[in-house]
Amino acid sequence: MVKSLEGKVAVITGAARNIGKHVAAEMIERGVKVVIGDILDAEGEATIKEFNEKAGTKVAVYCQTDVTKYSDNKSLFALAEKEFGGVDIAFLNAGIGSNANTMFLPLSDSLDERMLDINTTAVIKGSKVAILYMAKRGGGVIVNTASVAGFHGGPSIGNYSASKFGVVGWTRSNAIFEEVCGVRMNAVCPYWVETELASDLGNDAEKDPFAILVTKSLRTKIETVVEAVLTLVEDKSRNAECLLALPKNVIRPQEPVPSYPELVQDETSDDAVAYYNATLPYFKKKLAEALEREGI
């Protein structure tokens, strides 16, 4: 295989197993050094041992990471910088599917907040840390794991769908940072994948009609998701794009929605032009302030 990403360094969350692990393996084949963040320590350590033994050299390191905490995200990216010199790629993949719908469950703060904290807020936190480290290096690319459920909701996956809609909205909001600091951000949006997450979505699996439907639905192969992720990484024309990864190896973009100025007025109006002209220097100034403040 041609090592198309030779010399690049990637941070990958949720990569002790499943999609994250497969993406890490493919990246290593293409010449990438990987830093895996997860809470599954035994599996994470076993994964990097497997990668390093196969390569015959250090190509992977592991860091216990609670993606909901800024301190852990900063430690993860700092480790990548220490071990391999910086970060070029971030695949923010950690997520959960349990209690995908809590509408008639007990009124529990922690129950409802957990999925949004891990699936959505953690992606925002990871992206903010990633952008700072990548800006310091001169640019990079972030891929967030969303879902087809980020476009299509349903009563049995209300919380899960809301969490993935959030990832889609976050991703589509950040196109400008390619101009600010050379960082592209995209999202991969799989249909039900050949992992245990699809069977973990229900909290009433024996009775929920949706859980039964999922067991009979087509699956997206992990290899299809991996291909979609690498496409978003390697194709520099893709920015703020949501790429569907569907059964039968179908990979295609989900149509975007208009940006905010286009919704409210003609983008060629004086106000819109003034907005565009002011936005880039504004965010460049804010980036410089953030890098100094965080000591990155």
Protein backbone atom coordinates (compact mmCIF):
# COMPACT_ATOMS: atom_id res chain seq x y z
CA MET A 1 0.00 0.00 0.00
CA VAL A 2 1.15 3.54 -0.76
CA LYS A 3 1.66 5.33 2.54
CA SER A 4 -0.46 8.32 1.62
CA LEU A 5 -0.33 9.83 5.11
CA GLU A 6 3.33 9.19 5.85
CA GLY A 7 4.60 11.27 8.77
CA LYS A 8 1.17 12.34 10.01
CA VAL A 9 0.04 11.97 13.62
CA ALA A 10 -3.55 11.16 14.63
CA VAL A 11 -5.45 11.32 17.89
CA ILE A 12 -8.36 8.86 17.94
CA THR A 13 -10.89 8.60 20.75
CA GLY A 14 -12.90 5.47 21.42
CA ALA A 15 -10.30 3.42 19.55
CA ALA A 16 -9.66 0.54 21.92
CA ARG A 17 -12.05 -1.51 19.76
CA ASN A 18 -14.63 -1.42 16.96
CA ILE A 19 -14.68 1.49 14.47
CA GLY A 20 -11.95 3.49 16.17
CA LYS A 21 -9.57 0.55 16.24
CA HIS A 22 -10.19 -0.27 12.57
CA VAL A 23 -9.62 3.36 11.56
CA ALA A 24 -6.40 3.44 13.61
CA ALA A 25 -5.17 0.26 11.91
CA GLU A 26 -5.84 1.67 8.45
CA MET A 27 -4.15 4.96 9.30
CA ILE A 28 -1.06 3.10 10.51
CA GLU A 29 -1.00 1.22 7.19
CA ARG A 30 -0.91 4.62 5.48
CA GLY A 31 2.04 5.84 7.54
CA VAL A 32 0.32 7.54 10.48
CA LYS A 33 1.40 7.42 14.12
CA VAL A 34 -1.68 7.12 16.35
CA VAL A 35 -2.53 8.10 19.90
CA ILE A 36 -5.55 6.28 21.26
CA GLY A 37 -7.76 7.77 23.96
CA ASP A 38 -10.29 5.55 25.71
CA ILE A 39 -11.54 4.46 29.14
CA LEU A 40 -11.13 0.77 28.35
CA ASP A 41 -7.57 0.48 29.62
CA ALA A 42 -6.99 -3.25 29.15
CA GLU A 43 -8.35 -3.20 25.61
CA GLY A 44 -6.55 0.03 24.79
CA GLU A 45 -3.19 -1.28 25.95
CA ALA A 46 -3.75 -4.55 24.08
CA THR A 47 -4.61 -2.63 20.92
CA ILE A 48 -1.46 -0.53 20.89
CA LYS A 49 0.65 -3.60 21.72
CA GLU A 50 -0.88 -5.34 18.71
CA PHE A 51 -0.16 -2.34 16.46
CA ASN A 52 3.42 -1.87 17.66
CA GLU A 53 4.32 -5.54 17.43
CA LYS A 54 2.95 -5.77 13.90
CA ALA A 55 4.88 -2.65 12.83
CA GLY A 56 8.06 -3.64 14.63
CA THR A 57 8.39 -0.13 16.02
CA LYS A 58 6.39 2.36 18.07
CA VAL A 59 3.50 3.53 15.94
CA ALA A 60 0.86 3.82 18.67
CA VAL A 61 0.48 4.90 22.27
CA TYR A 62 -2.49 4.77 24.64
CA CYS A 63 -3.83 7.35 27.07
CA GLN A 64 -6.72 6.83 29.47
CA THR A 65 -9.17 9.53 28.45
CA ASP A 66 -12.53 10.65 29.75
CA VAL A 67 -13.59 12.62 26.69
CA THR A 68 -16.07 14.67 28.72
CA LYS A 69 -13.22 16.40 30.57
CA TYR A 70 -11.08 19.17 29.11
CA SER A 71 -8.15 18.10 31.27
CA ASP A 72 -8.15 14.60 29.76
CA ASN A 73 -8.50 15.94 26.22
CA LYS A 74 -5.56 18.28 26.74
CA SER A 75 -3.48 15.43 28.20
CA LEU A 76 -4.31 13.26 25.19
CA PHE A 77 -3.18 15.84 22.66
CA ALA A 78 -0.16 16.80 24.74
CA LEU A 79 0.90 13.14 24.74
CA ALA A 80 0.68 13.05 20.94
CA GLU A 81 2.89 16.12 20.77
CA LYS A 82 5.37 14.65 23.25
CA GLU A 83 5.57 11.21 21.60
CA PHE A 84 5.31 12.09 17.92
CA GLY A 85 5.83 15.85 17.60
CA GLY A 86 2.30 17.18 17.08
CA VAL A 87 -1.18 16.37 15.79
CA ASP A 88 -2.40 16.48 12.18
CA ILE A 89 -5.58 14.38 12.40
CA ALA A 90 -8.24 13.93 15.07
CA PHE A 91 -10.95 11.30 14.81
CA LEU A 92 -13.37 12.10 17.63
CA ASN A 93 -15.19 8.82 17.69
CA ALA A 94 -16.03 8.01 21.32
CA GLY A 95 -19.74 7.57 21.91
CA ILE A 96 -22.48 5.51 23.54
CA GLY A 97 -25.87 4.15 22.52
CA SER A 98 -27.39 2.96 25.79
CA ASN A 99 -30.61 4.66 26.89
CA ALA A 100 -31.15 6.13 23.45
CA ASN A 101 -34.66 7.09 24.53
CA THR A 102 -35.46 8.21 28.08
CA MET A 103 -38.87 9.84 27.55
CA PHE A 104 -40.74 7.72 30.10
CA LEU A 105 -37.83 6.66 32.27
CA PRO A 106 -37.35 8.23 35.73
CA LEU A 107 -36.64 11.96 35.76
CA SER A 108 -32.91 11.59 36.30
CA ASP A 109 -30.46 14.37 35.54
CA SER A 110 -27.52 11.99 35.11
CA LEU A 111 -29.46 9.58 32.89
CA ASP A 112 -30.46 12.25 30.39
CA GLU A 113 -27.19 14.17 30.46
CA ARG A 114 -24.81 11.23 30.00
CA MET A 115 -25.49 10.61 26.32
CA LEU A 116 -25.31 14.30 25.40
CA ASP A 117 -22.14 14.72 27.49
CA ILE A 118 -20.35 11.85 25.75
CA ASN A 119 -21.77 12.01 22.23
CA THR A 120 -22.02 15.77 21.76
CA THR A 121 -20.35 17.94 24.38
CA ALA A 122 -17.23 15.76 24.34
CA VAL A 123 -16.95 16.23 20.56
CA ILE A 124 -17.14 20.00 21.06
CA LYS A 125 -14.49 19.88 23.77
CA GLY A 126 -12.24 17.58 21.76
CA SER A 127 -12.59 19.78 18.68
CA LYS A 128 -11.67 22.92 20.60
CA VAL A 129 -8.52 21.30 21.98
CA ALA A 130 -7.67 19.77 18.60
CA ILE A 131 -7.94 23.08 16.76
CA LEU A 132 -5.49 24.73 19.16
CA TYR A 133 -2.89 21.96 18.75
CA MET A 134 -3.37 21.81 14.98
CA ALA A 135 -3.18 25.58 14.59
CA LYS A 136 0.14 25.47 16.38
CA ARG A 137 1.34 22.88 13.85
CA GLY A 138 0.01 24.75 10.83
CA GLY A 139 -3.29 22.98 10.19
CA GLY A 140 -5.00 19.61 10.19
CA VAL A 141 -8.31 17.82 9.91
CA ILE A 142 -10.93 16.73 12.42
CA VAL A 143 -13.49 13.99 11.73
CA ASN A 144 -16.38 13.66 14.17
CA THR A 145 -18.51 10.54 14.45
CA ALA A 146 -22.14 11.46 13.93
CA SER A 147 -24.81 9.12 12.51
CA VAL A 148 -27.64 8.79 10.04
CA ALA A 149 -29.64 9.46 13.22
CA GLY A 150 -28.18 12.96 13.07
CA PHE A 151 -30.62 13.63 10.21
CA HIS A 152 -33.50 11.24 10.93
CA GLY A 153 -35.05 10.98 14.37
CA GLY A 154 -37.61 8.71 15.96
CA PRO A 155 -39.33 8.22 19.32
CA SER A 156 -37.22 5.23 20.28
CA ILE A 157 -33.88 7.01 19.76
CA GLY A 158 -34.78 10.53 20.86
CA ASN A 159 -31.73 11.19 23.06
CA TYR A 160 -29.34 9.47 20.67
CA SER A 161 -30.71 11.35 17.68
CA ALA A 162 -30.52 14.68 19.53
CA SER A 163 -26.90 13.97 20.42
CA LYS A 164 -25.97 13.23 16.81
CA PHE A 165 -27.97 16.17 15.43
CA GLY A 166 -25.74 18.22 17.73
CA VAL A 167 -22.58 16.76 16.21
CA VAL A 168 -23.87 17.52 12.70
CA GLY A 169 -24.74 21.11 13.65
CA TRP A 170 -21.37 21.62 15.32
CA THR A 171 -19.49 20.26 12.32
CA ARG A 172 -21.38 22.35 9.79
CA SER A 173 -20.83 25.48 11.87
CA ASN A 174 -17.05 25.37 11.66
CA ALA A 175 -16.15 25.67 7.99
CA ILE A 176 -14.42 29.02 8.53
CA PHE A 177 -11.57 27.54 10.55
CA GLU A 178 -9.92 26.20 7.42
CA GLU A 179 -9.27 29.86 6.53
CA VAL A 180 -8.51 30.89 10.11
CA CYS A 181 -5.88 28.24 10.87
CA GLY A 182 -5.90 25.55 8.20
CA VAL A 183 -8.13 23.11 10.10
CA ARG A 184 -10.92 21.31 8.27
CA MET A 185 -13.78 19.66 10.18
CA ASN A 186 -16.06 16.92 8.83
CA ALA A 187 -18.37 14.23 10.17
CA VAL A 188 -18.90 10.60 9.26
CA CYS A 189 -22.52 9.49 9.51
CA PRO A 190 -22.96 5.72 9.49
CA TYR A 191 -26.13 3.68 9.35
CA TRP A 192 -26.28 0.78 11.85
CA VAL A 193 -22.79 -0.68 11.87
CA GLU A 194 -21.60 -4.21 12.58
CA THR A 195 -20.83 -3.43 16.24
CA GLU A 196 -22.65 -3.94 19.52
CA LEU A 197 -23.83 -0.29 19.61
CA ALA A 198 -26.84 -1.04 17.41
CA SER A 199 -28.05 -3.68 19.87
CA ASP A 200 -27.32 -1.36 22.82
CA LEU A 201 -29.67 1.44 21.78
CA GLY A 202 -32.80 0.14 23.46
CA ASN A 203 -33.57 0.17 27.17
CA ASP A 204 -36.53 -2.16 26.66
CA ALA A 205 -35.14 -4.41 23.94
CA GLU A 206 -37.68 -7.21 24.33
CA LYS A 207 -40.71 -4.94 23.92
CA ASP A 208 -39.62 -1.88 21.95
CA PRO A 209 -40.72 -2.34 18.31
CA PHE A 210 -37.75 -0.24 17.19
CA ALA A 211 -35.27 -2.62 18.83
CA ILE A 212 -36.85 -5.46 16.89
CA LEU A 213 -36.64 -3.43 13.67
CA VAL A 214 -32.94 -2.74 14.23
CA THR A 215 -32.17 -6.45 14.62
CA LYS A 216 -33.70 -7.02 11.16
CA SER A 217 -32.09 -3.99 9.47
CA LEU A 218 -29.19 -4.01 7.07
CA ARG A 219 -25.78 -3.24 8.54
CA THR A 220 -23.01 -0.98 7.33
CA LYS A 221 -19.69 -2.78 7.20
CA ILE A 222 -16.95 -1.35 9.39
CA GLU A 223 -14.76 -1.23 6.28
CA THR A 224 -17.24 1.18 4.70
CA VAL A 225 -17.05 3.50 7.70
CA VAL A 226 -13.24 3.33 7.64
CA GLU A 227 -13.23 4.25 3.94
CA ALA A 228 -15.53 7.20 4.61
CA VAL A 229 -13.35 8.48 7.46
CA LEU A 230 -10.17 8.25 5.38
CA THR A 231 -11.92 10.01 2.50
CA LEU A 232 -12.71 12.94 4.79
CA VAL A 233 -9.12 12.98 6.02
CA GLU A 234 -7.36 12.72 2.67
CA ASP A 235 -9.63 14.72 0.36
CA LYS A 236 -8.69 18.32 1.13
CA SER A 237 -11.72 19.66 -0.75
CA ARG A 238 -14.02 18.32 1.97
CA ASN A 239 -14.80 20.76 4.76
CA ALA A 240 -17.87 20.97 7.03
CA GLU A 241 -19.16 17.93 5.14
CA CYS A 242 -21.28 15.11 6.54
CA LEU A 243 -20.51 11.88 4.72
CA LEU A 244 -23.00 9.03 4.95
CA ALA A 245 -21.68 5.47 5.31
CA LEU A 246 -24.50 3.14 4.34
CA PRO A 247 -25.12 -0.58 3.77
CA LYS A 248 -23.92 -2.12 0.51
CA ASN A 249 -20.79 0.07 0.67
CA VAL A 250 -22.62 3.27 -0.25
CA ILE A 251 -20.72 6.45 0.70
CA ARG A 252 -22.21 9.81 -0.21
CA PRO A 253 -22.56 13.33 1.20
CA GLN A 254 -25.70 14.41 3.02
CA GLU A 255 -26.95 17.61 1.45
CA PRO A 256 -25.93 20.72 3.43
CA VAL A 257 -28.23 23.46 4.66
CA PRO A 258 -27.64 27.18 3.97
CA SER A 259 -25.32 29.06 6.29
CA TYR A 260 -26.76 31.71 8.58
CA PRO A 261 -26.28 34.83 6.40
CA GLU A 262 -27.92 33.10 3.44
CA LEU A 263 -31.00 32.42 5.53
CA VAL A 264 -31.61 36.01 6.50
CA GLN A 265 -30.52 38.08 3.53
CA ASP A 266 -28.82 38.21 0.16
CA GLU A 267 -25.21 37.16 0.76
CA THR A 268 -24.06 39.92 -1.63
CA SER A 269 -25.70 42.68 0.44
CA ASP A 270 -23.49 45.28 2.11
CA ASP A 271 -24.24 43.84 5.55
CA ALA A 272 -23.36 40.30 4.51
CA VAL A 273 -20.11 41.42 2.84
CA ALA A 274 -19.17 43.38 5.96
CA TYR A 275 -19.88 40.30 8.05
CA TYR A 276 -17.65 38.07 5.92
CA ASN A 277 -14.84 40.64 5.82
CA ALA A 278 -14.86 41.06 9.60
CA THR A 279 -15.21 37.42 10.60
CA LEU A 280 -11.83 36.07 9.52
CA PRO A 281 -9.65 38.61 11.40
CA TYR A 282 -11.99 38.34 14.39
CA PHE A 283 -11.45 34.59 14.73
CA LYS A 284 -7.72 34.83 14.03
CA LYS A 285 -7.44 37.24 16.96
CA LYS A 286 -9.50 34.93 19.17
CA LEU A 287 -7.31 31.96 18.19
CA ALA A 288 -4.13 33.79 19.17
CA GLU A 289 -5.67 34.73 22.50
CA ALA A 290 -6.75 31.13 23.16
CA LEU A 291 -3.32 29.69 22.36
CA GLU A 292 -1.69 32.11 24.78
CA ARG A 293 -4.30 31.56 27.48
CA GLU A 294 -4.11 27.76 27.34
CA GLY A 295 -0.33 27.65 27.06
CA ILE A 296 -0.41 25.44 23.96
